[in-house]
Protein backbone atom coordinates (compact mmCIF):
# COMPACT_ATOMS: atom_id res chain seq x y z
CA UNK A 1 0.03 0.08 0.06
CA UNK A 2 1.07 3.60 -0.70
CA UNK A 3 1.04 6.15 1.93
CA UNK A 4 0.81 10.00 1.10
CA UNK A 5 1.73 12.71 3.35
CA UNK A 6 1.12 16.39 2.31
CA UNK A 7 2.53 19.55 3.82
CA UNK A 8 2.85 23.28 3.14
CA UNK A 9 -0.65 24.50 3.62
CA UNK A 10 -1.53 27.55 5.76
CA UNK A 11 -3.03 31.01 5.64
CA UNK A 12 -1.87 33.62 2.96
CA UNK A 13 -3.16 36.86 1.70
CA UNK A 14 -4.70 37.24 -1.74
CA UNK A 15 -1.89 37.67 -4.33
CA UNK A 16 0.54 35.55 -2.18
CA UNK A 17 2.18 32.13 -2.87
CA UNK A 18 2.54 28.88 -1.29
CA UNK A 19 4.15 25.60 -2.06
CA UNK A 20 2.63 22.29 -1.24
CA UNK A 21 4.67 19.03 -1.08
CA UNK A 22 3.44 15.41 -1.00
CA UNK A 23 5.66 12.52 -0.29
CA UNK A 24 4.75 8.95 -1.26
CA UNK A 25 5.99 6.10 0.63
CA UNK A 26 5.38 2.41 1.05
CA UNK A 27 4.73 0.27 -2.27
CA UNK A 28 5.93 3.11 -4.61
CA UNK A 29 7.92 1.02 -7.14
CA UNK A 30 5.09 1.57 -9.55
CA UNK A 31 3.64 5.12 -10.13
CA UNK A 32 1.50 5.98 -13.08
CA UNK A 33 0.68 9.35 -11.98
CA UNK A 34 0.22 11.75 -9.01
CA UNK A 35 -1.74 14.80 -8.78
CA UNK A 36 -3.41 17.32 -6.60
CA UNK A 37 -7.28 17.84 -6.06
CA UNK A 38 -8.98 20.29 -3.81
CA UNK A 39 -12.34 20.64 -2.06
CA UNK A 40 -13.93 23.66 -0.92
CA UNK A 41 -16.64 23.68 1.80
CA UNK A 42 -19.89 22.70 0.14
CA UNK A 43 -18.34 21.85 -3.10
CA UNK A 44 -17.14 18.76 -4.92
CA UNK A 45 -13.58 17.71 -5.05
CA UNK A 46 -12.05 19.04 -8.17
CA UNK A 47 -8.76 18.51 -10.27
CA UNK A 48 -5.88 21.11 -9.53
CA UNK A 49 -3.20 19.39 -11.35
CA UNK A 50 -1.84 15.85 -12.23
CA UNK A 51 1.50 14.72 -13.77
CA UNK A 52 2.12 11.30 -15.57
CA UNK A 53 5.39 10.15 -13.99
CA UNK A 54 6.74 8.38 -17.26
CA UNK A 55 6.40 11.33 -19.52
CA UNK A 56 6.16 14.43 -17.17
CA UNK A 57 2.97 15.42 -18.90
CA UNK A 58 0.71 17.64 -16.87
CA UNK A 59 -3.08 18.37 -16.70
CA UNK A 60 -4.29 21.46 -14.92
CA UNK A 61 -7.77 22.51 -13.94
CA UNK A 62 -9.11 25.56 -15.83
CA UNK A 63 -9.31 27.63 -12.71
CA UNK A 64 -5.62 27.35 -11.87
CA UNK A 65 -3.93 27.42 -15.22
CA UNK A 66 -1.25 30.08 -15.54
CA UNK A 67 -0.97 30.47 -11.70
CA UNK A 68 -0.18 27.14 -10.46
CA UNK A 69 2.62 24.63 -11.42
CA UNK A 70 3.06 21.07 -10.63
CA UNK A 71 6.52 19.49 -10.49
CA UNK A 72 8.15 16.31 -9.13
CA UNK A 73 11.20 14.62 -7.92
CA UNK A 74 10.78 11.27 -9.42
CA UNK A 75 13.54 9.61 -7.66
CA UNK A 76 12.17 10.58 -4.27
CA UNK A 77 8.56 10.07 -5.03
CA UNK A 78 7.69 13.70 -4.37
CA UNK A 79 5.24 15.97 -6.01
CA UNK A 80 4.97 19.70 -5.51
CA UNK A 81 2.35 22.35 -6.33
CA UNK A 82 3.59 25.89 -6.66
CA UNK A 83 0.66 28.18 -6.18
CA UNK A 84 0.96 31.78 -7.18
CA UNK A 85 -1.30 34.81 -7.38
CA UNK A 86 -3.59 33.16 -4.80
CA UNK A 87 -7.16 34.10 -4.68
CA UNK A 88 -9.83 33.59 -1.90
CA UNK A 89 -11.58 31.21 -4.10
CA UNK A 90 -8.57 28.98 -3.87
CA UNK A 91 -9.25 28.33 -0.22
CA UNK A 92 -9.84 24.64 0.21
CA UNK A 93 -8.32 21.51 1.43
CA UNK A 94 -5.78 20.29 -0.94
CA UNK A 95 -5.30 16.48 -1.40
CA UNK A 96 -2.53 14.64 -2.96
CA UNK A 97 -3.19 11.37 -4.93
CA UNK A 98 -1.36 8.47 -6.41
CA UNK A 99 -2.16 5.82 -8.81
CA UNK A 100 0.06 2.80 -9.44
CA UNK A 101 -1.24 2.04 -12.85
CA UNK A 102 -3.88 3.66 -15.17
CA UNK A 103 -6.41 1.24 -13.85
CA UNK A 104 -5.72 1.58 -10.22
CA UNK A 105 -8.07 3.26 -7.79
CA UNK A 106 -6.30 6.40 -6.50
CA UNK A 107 -4.77 6.48 -2.92
CA UNK A 108 -5.51 9.74 -1.15
CA UNK A 109 -3.48 11.76 1.38
CA UNK A 110 -5.19 13.32 4.36
CA UNK A 111 -5.29 16.78 2.93
CA UNK A 112 -3.68 20.11 3.78
CA UNK A 113 -5.69 23.22 4.30
CA UNK A 114 -5.01 26.33 2.27
CA UNK A 115 -6.77 29.59 3.21
CA UNK A 116 -6.49 32.61 1.16
CA UNK A 117 -7.66 35.83 2.93
CA UNK A 118 -8.98 38.84 0.97
């Protein structure tokens, strides 16, 4: 089983930046992709960004394109989310996920809270 540990959340003013990290441990010998999702109060969980491990290809949610950047350290099974130009509507719990193969169900981290004040 894979375990995920997110870090880096906190309180930031609008226009500021934060960097989230997610470390995968356990059975990480196979990684298809890792990514970030978020869930705001009363809303459904939505895609922020994902990265396919073998190619480095990335997919971003429409609301974060041009402001957020996902990157990784393949050797250390780490994924990062650099968040710039933060807006109050970015306030949410951010979750990291991991899939061993394209057909595997995702494993989720416990989440880290990001609060953007206006």
